[in-house]
């Protein structure tokens, strides 16, 4: 039985607590939040204790960390130093240096360091991944309505980083160039951003993210020789367009709706995290992947300064 706790039970962390409380093979020991009333409410809802940070050392085997990004390193390093496995929400740290220290610490302690790039566990992304062979052009739109949540970081680190992780996982190639633009609209951080990434073998990705949209949009389009895949991450639906060559000289375009078994991505992610712990397997999204996405995000932000 894996003993777990959740550090930070705001908008996202509360769902970590909900999922842990519903799974077999783990026991939610408690929750922690700087907002004591919030922690108490969530703890009561799932029949656990609202605890202080240090109370968990020696009482848990693993934690989910869903605190503000600036605090990821402090919390994650403390629990790794106390021999806990950690699932840390994206972005994994506030700096590359902090992220690398966490990777090295997890390796020395022989503990799982799992980065919460949840969209990679979206069943529609996983199903579409089976159809992707040689992407030549990728276009993503990740738009959300305005909320004060996560305005401590730029939209690149808040929303766009989901698509950066997916693209890096799909393309698996070195980056040749990055062009980017960003606008501060409602906060003192970048609220809407666009980046164009060119990879060495020729693939180009055009990525747009905004947190000041009227509607919520989560779409990815992948073009490759003789096929095209359109993914709606929010609806968990995808269409596969591909050429079918018959006896006639003109190939036909066939459109298929991919068969997607809808599920909660965060639940899949947490199950994967727990499986890594129980079976001693590497994390599906290790710290190294978190650093790759973080490095690209910082490169995009740096390009906006010019």
Protein backbone atom coordinates (compact mmCIF):
# COMPACT_ATOMS: atom_id res chain seq x y z
CA UNK A 1 0.00 0.00 0.00
CA UNK A 2 1.53 3.30 -1.11
CA UNK A 3 0.96 6.07 1.44
CA UNK A 4 0.43 9.39 -0.34
CA UNK A 5 -0.27 13.05 0.40
CA UNK A 6 -1.02 16.14 -1.68
CA UNK A 7 0.86 19.38 -1.12
CA UNK A 8 -1.26 22.26 -2.38
CA UNK A 9 -4.98 21.58 -2.78
CA UNK A 10 -6.09 24.53 -4.87
CA UNK A 11 -7.72 24.26 -8.30
CA UNK A 12 -5.59 21.32 -9.45
CA UNK A 13 -4.35 19.77 -6.22
CA UNK A 14 -7.88 19.05 -5.01
CA UNK A 15 -8.28 16.69 -7.96
CA UNK A 16 -5.08 14.85 -7.03
CA UNK A 17 -6.61 14.31 -3.57
CA UNK A 18 -9.92 13.15 -5.07
CA UNK A 19 -8.24 10.62 -7.35
CA UNK A 20 -5.89 9.21 -4.71
CA UNK A 21 -8.82 8.75 -2.34
CA UNK A 22 -10.63 6.65 -4.97
CA UNK A 23 -7.80 4.34 -6.02
CA UNK A 24 -7.01 0.87 -4.70
CA UNK A 25 -3.44 0.15 -3.70
CA UNK A 26 -2.77 3.57 -2.20
CA UNK A 27 -3.91 5.42 0.89
CA UNK A 28 -4.33 9.17 1.04
CA UNK A 29 -2.79 10.12 4.40
CA UNK A 30 -3.43 13.85 4.34
CA UNK A 31 -3.29 17.17 2.54
CA UNK A 32 -1.32 20.38 3.07
CA UNK A 33 -2.05 23.93 1.99
CA UNK A 34 -0.99 27.38 3.19
CA UNK A 35 -4.69 28.20 3.22
CA UNK A 36 -5.63 26.27 6.35
CA UNK A 37 -9.36 26.52 5.76
CA UNK A 38 -8.97 25.23 2.23
CA UNK A 39 -6.86 22.31 3.45
CA UNK A 40 -9.40 21.51 6.16
CA UNK A 41 -12.31 21.52 3.70
CA UNK A 42 -10.55 19.21 1.24
CA UNK A 43 -9.33 16.92 4.03
CA UNK A 44 -12.84 16.56 5.46
CA UNK A 45 -14.27 15.87 2.01
CA UNK A 46 -12.00 12.87 1.54
CA UNK A 47 -11.88 11.69 5.14
CA UNK A 48 -8.21 12.47 5.81
CA UNK A 49 -6.19 14.88 7.92
CA UNK A 50 -5.15 18.44 7.22
CA UNK A 51 -1.48 18.46 8.18
CA UNK A 52 1.53 20.71 8.32
CA UNK A 53 4.33 20.23 5.83
CA UNK A 54 6.80 18.60 8.21
CA UNK A 55 4.21 16.26 9.71
CA UNK A 56 4.36 14.09 6.60
CA UNK A 57 8.03 13.13 6.77
CA UNK A 58 8.24 9.43 7.62
CA UNK A 59 4.47 9.02 7.25
CA UNK A 60 4.19 8.96 3.46
CA UNK A 61 5.91 7.16 0.60
CA UNK A 62 4.94 9.63 -2.11
CA UNK A 63 3.49 13.10 -2.66
CA UNK A 64 1.86 15.11 -5.39
CA UNK A 65 3.11 18.71 -5.46
CA UNK A 66 0.66 21.30 -6.80
CA UNK A 67 1.94 24.48 -5.17
CA UNK A 68 2.91 27.66 -7.08
CA UNK A 69 5.84 27.07 -9.44
CA UNK A 70 8.19 29.27 -7.41
CA UNK A 71 7.84 26.78 -4.52
CA UNK A 72 8.26 23.55 -6.51
CA UNK A 73 11.98 23.23 -5.80
CA UNK A 74 11.70 23.85 -2.07
CA UNK A 75 8.88 21.34 -1.58
CA UNK A 76 10.17 18.71 -4.01
CA UNK A 77 13.73 18.73 -2.66
CA UNK A 78 12.48 18.47 0.92
CA UNK A 79 10.47 15.34 0.17
CA UNK A 80 13.17 13.75 -1.97
CA UNK A 81 15.62 14.32 0.87
CA UNK A 82 13.14 12.48 3.09
CA UNK A 83 13.07 9.50 0.72
CA UNK A 84 9.70 10.21 -0.90
CA UNK A 85 8.71 9.66 -4.51
CA UNK A 86 7.31 12.84 -6.07
CA UNK A 87 4.88 13.86 -8.78
CA UNK A 88 5.51 17.55 -9.39
CA UNK A 89 3.15 19.58 -11.53
CA UNK A 90 4.40 21.37 -14.64
CA UNK A 91 6.47 23.43 -15.03
CA UNK A 92 8.67 21.24 -12.84
CA UNK A 93 10.70 24.14 -11.42
CA UNK A 94 11.21 27.87 -11.70
CA UNK A 95 14.68 27.49 -13.27
CA UNK A 96 16.63 24.90 -15.24
CA UNK A 97 19.20 24.79 -12.45
CA UNK A 98 16.56 23.87 -9.88
CA UNK A 99 15.09 21.24 -12.20
CA UNK A 100 18.49 19.63 -12.75
CA UNK A 101 19.18 19.52 -9.01
CA UNK A 102 15.89 17.67 -8.51
CA UNK A 103 16.82 15.14 -11.21
CA UNK A 104 20.21 14.52 -9.61
CA UNK A 105 18.70 14.26 -6.14
CA UNK A 106 16.03 11.77 -7.25
CA UNK A 107 18.73 9.67 -8.91
CA UNK A 108 20.89 9.65 -5.77
CA UNK A 109 17.93 8.78 -3.58
CA UNK A 110 16.64 6.18 -6.07
CA UNK A 111 13.20 7.78 -6.03
CA UNK A 112 10.66 8.39 -8.78
CA UNK A 113 10.56 11.96 -10.07
CA UNK A 114 7.47 12.25 -12.25
CA UNK A 115 6.59 15.53 -14.03
CA UNK A 116 2.90 16.33 -14.39
CA UNK A 117 2.54 17.00 -18.10
CA UNK A 118 -0.99 15.65 -17.87
CA UNK A 119 -2.03 16.22 -21.48
CA UNK A 120 0.30 13.46 -22.60
CA UNK A 121 -2.04 11.07 -20.77
CA UNK A 122 -5.09 12.36 -22.61
CA UNK A 123 -6.49 9.21 -24.29
CA UNK A 124 -7.06 11.07 -27.56
CA UNK A 125 -3.41 12.16 -27.66
CA UNK A 126 -2.29 8.61 -26.92
CA UNK A 127 -4.56 7.18 -29.63
CA UNK A 128 -3.50 9.78 -32.22
CA UNK A 129 0.14 9.11 -31.39
CA UNK A 130 -0.23 5.69 -33.02
CA UNK A 131 -0.91 7.37 -36.38
CA UNK A 132 2.03 9.77 -36.28
CA UNK A 133 5.09 8.68 -38.25
CA UNK A 134 6.82 11.65 -39.87
CA UNK A 135 5.22 15.00 -38.94
CA UNK A 136 6.08 17.86 -41.28
CA UNK A 137 3.90 20.60 -39.80
CA UNK A 138 2.16 20.83 -36.42
CA UNK A 139 -0.27 23.53 -35.39
CA UNK A 140 -1.68 23.92 -31.88
CA UNK A 141 -4.17 26.28 -30.26
CA UNK A 142 -4.55 26.23 -26.48
CA UNK A 143 -6.86 29.02 -25.40
CA UNK A 144 -8.57 29.66 -22.09
CA UNK A 145 -10.79 32.23 -20.45
CA UNK A 146 -9.18 34.66 -18.04
CA UNK A 147 -8.65 33.58 -14.44
CA UNK A 148 -6.45 34.95 -11.69
CA UNK A 149 -5.15 31.42 -11.17
CA UNK A 150 -1.57 30.89 -12.41
CA UNK A 151 -1.02 34.55 -13.31
CA UNK A 152 2.22 34.32 -11.33
CA UNK A 153 3.75 32.80 -14.49
CA UNK A 154 3.60 33.61 -18.20
CA UNK A 155 1.08 31.83 -20.43
CA UNK A 156 4.02 30.02 -22.03
CA UNK A 157 4.74 28.24 -18.74
CA UNK A 158 1.08 28.00 -17.78
CA UNK A 159 -0.61 26.68 -20.96
CA UNK A 160 1.77 26.49 -23.92
CA UNK A 161 4.13 24.13 -22.11
CA UNK A 162 1.54 21.33 -22.46
CA UNK A 163 1.88 21.49 -26.24
CA UNK A 164 5.65 21.93 -26.09
CA UNK A 165 5.90 18.64 -24.22
CA UNK A 166 3.60 16.86 -26.69
CA UNK A 167 5.47 18.21 -29.72
CA UNK A 168 8.91 17.33 -28.33
CA UNK A 169 7.65 13.82 -27.61
CA UNK A 170 6.25 13.47 -31.14
CA UNK A 171 9.08 14.94 -33.18
CA UNK A 172 12.17 13.72 -31.31
CA UNK A 173 14.57 15.99 -33.18
CA UNK A 174 16.94 18.85 -32.45
CA UNK A 175 15.57 22.38 -32.65
CA UNK A 176 17.10 24.58 -35.33
CA UNK A 177 15.34 27.89 -34.64
CA UNK A 178 12.63 29.51 -32.53
CA UNK A 179 10.68 32.68 -33.36
CA UNK A 180 8.20 33.99 -30.83
CA UNK A 181 5.99 36.90 -29.88
CA UNK A 182 4.05 37.61 -26.71
CA UNK A 183 1.72 40.28 -25.39
CA UNK A 184 0.91 41.44 -21.87
CA UNK A 185 -2.79 42.21 -21.96
CA UNK A 186 -4.46 41.84 -18.55
CA UNK A 187 -1.50 41.07 -16.27
CA UNK A 188 2.16 41.99 -15.97
CA UNK A 189 3.04 38.58 -17.50
CA UNK A 190 2.68 37.36 -21.08
CA UNK A 191 -1.02 36.54 -21.58
CA UNK A 192 -1.06 35.58 -25.26
CA UNK A 193 1.86 34.03 -27.13
CA UNK A 194 2.81 32.47 -30.43
CA UNK A 195 5.94 30.49 -31.26
CA UNK A 196 7.23 28.99 -34.49
CA UNK A 197 9.70 26.17 -33.97
CA UNK A 198 11.77 24.69 -36.78
CA UNK A 199 13.42 21.31 -36.26
CA UNK A 200 16.61 20.20 -38.01
CA UNK A 201 14.96 17.48 -40.12
CA UNK A 202 12.41 20.01 -41.41
CA UNK A 203 9.34 19.76 -39.21
CA UNK A 204 7.81 23.11 -38.25
CA UNK A 205 5.47 23.70 -35.29
CA UNK A 206 3.28 26.78 -34.95
CA UNK A 207 2.00 27.10 -31.38
CA UNK A 208 -0.51 29.58 -29.98
CA UNK A 209 -1.55 29.94 -26.35
CA UNK A 210 -3.83 32.49 -24.71
CA UNK A 211 -5.52 32.91 -21.34
CA UNK A 212 -7.72 35.80 -22.46
CA UNK A 213 -9.94 33.98 -24.94
CA UNK A 214 -13.73 33.93 -24.89
CA UNK A 215 -13.78 30.17 -25.38
CA UNK A 216 -11.74 27.21 -24.17
CA UNK A 217 -9.88 25.60 -27.08
CA UNK A 218 -7.47 22.64 -26.96
CA UNK A 219 -6.66 21.62 -30.54
CA UNK A 220 -3.68 20.03 -32.25
CA UNK A 221 -3.28 19.41 -35.98
CA UNK A 222 -0.50 17.24 -37.38
CA UNK A 223 0.33 17.10 -41.10
CA UNK A 224 2.59 14.42 -42.53
CA UNK A 225 3.09 12.71 -45.90
CA UNK A 226 -0.28 11.45 -47.18
CA UNK A 227 -2.14 12.02 -43.92
CA UNK A 228 -3.44 14.63 -41.49
CA UNK A 229 -4.66 14.23 -37.91
CA UNK A 230 -6.97 16.70 -36.16
CA UNK A 231 -7.16 16.37 -32.37
CA UNK A 232 -9.59 18.04 -29.96
CA UNK A 233 -8.04 17.45 -26.54
CA UNK A 234 -11.00 18.91 -24.65
CA UNK A 235 -13.63 16.77 -26.39
CA UNK A 236 -11.23 13.79 -26.60
CA UNK A 237 -12.05 13.36 -30.28
CA UNK A 238 -9.81 13.02 -33.34
CA UNK A 239 -10.12 12.57 -37.08
CA UNK A 240 -7.56 10.85 -39.28
CA UNK A 241 -7.46 11.95 -42.93
CA UNK A 242 -5.34 9.79 -45.20
CA UNK A 243 -4.91 8.91 -48.86
CA UNK A 244 -6.20 5.60 -50.15
CA UNK A 245 -4.79 4.46 -53.47
CA UNK A 246 -7.03 2.21 -55.52
CA UNK A 247 -7.16 1.22 -59.15
CA UNK A 248 -7.95 4.77 -60.31
CA UNK A 249 -5.15 7.25 -60.92
CA UNK A 250 -6.59 9.72 -58.43
CA UNK A 251 -6.14 8.71 -54.77
CA UNK A 252 -9.12 9.13 -52.48
CA UNK A 253 -9.15 10.84 -49.10
CA UNK A 254 -10.53 8.65 -46.36
CA UNK A 255 -11.67 10.20 -43.08
CA UNK A 256 -11.74 8.09 -39.93
CA UNK A 257 -12.95 9.02 -36.46
CA UNK A 258 -10.37 7.53 -34.12
CA UNK A 259 -11.80 5.17 -31.52
CA UNK A 260 -11.00 6.88 -28.23
CA UNK A 261 -11.93 5.43 -24.84
CA UNK A 262 -12.57 8.65 -22.94
CA UNK A 263 -10.98 8.93 -19.52
CA UNK A 264 -9.59 11.49 -17.11
CA UNK A 265 -5.95 12.27 -18.08
CA UNK A 266 -4.97 13.16 -14.51
CA UNK A 267 -6.23 9.82 -13.24
CA UNK A 268 -4.16 8.02 -15.88
CA UNK A 269 -1.15 10.06 -14.90
CA UNK A 270 -1.50 9.26 -11.19
CA UNK A 271 -2.00 5.55 -11.92
CA UNK A 272 1.20 5.62 -13.98
CA UNK A 273 3.04 7.37 -11.13
CA UNK A 274 1.89 4.75 -8.62
CA UNK A 275 2.80 1.92 -11.01
CA UNK A 276 6.33 3.32 -11.33
CA UNK A 277 6.65 3.27 -7.55
CA UNK A 278 5.26 -0.23 -7.03
CA UNK A 279 7.08 -1.90 -9.93
CA UNK A 280 10.31 0.08 -9.81
CA UNK A 281 9.81 1.32 -13.37
CA UNK A 282 11.12 4.61 -14.76
CA UNK A 283 8.59 7.46 -14.77
CA UNK A 284 6.68 7.79 -18.05
CA UNK A 285 7.46 11.52 -17.91
CA UNK A 286 10.82 11.77 -16.14
CA UNK A 287 12.60 14.89 -15.00
CA UNK A 288 14.63 14.94 -18.21
CA UNK A 289 11.43 15.43 -20.24
CA UNK A 290 10.37 18.17 -17.85
CA UNK A 291 13.69 19.95 -18.42
CA UNK A 292 13.32 19.70 -22.21
CA UNK A 293 9.90 21.36 -22.13
CA UNK A 294 11.07 23.95 -19.61
CA UNK A 295 14.18 24.79 -21.63
CA UNK A 296 12.11 25.32 -24.78
CA UNK A 297 9.61 27.46 -22.86
CA UNK A 298 12.42 29.70 -21.60
CA UNK A 299 13.87 29.91 -25.10
CA UNK A 300 10.47 31.08 -26.37
CA UNK A 301 10.19 33.66 -23.60
CA UNK A 302 13.72 34.88 -24.27
CA UNK A 303 12.83 35.41 -27.93
CA UNK A 304 10.01 37.74 -26.93
CA UNK A 305 12.48 40.18 -25.38
CA UNK A 306 14.00 41.05 -28.74
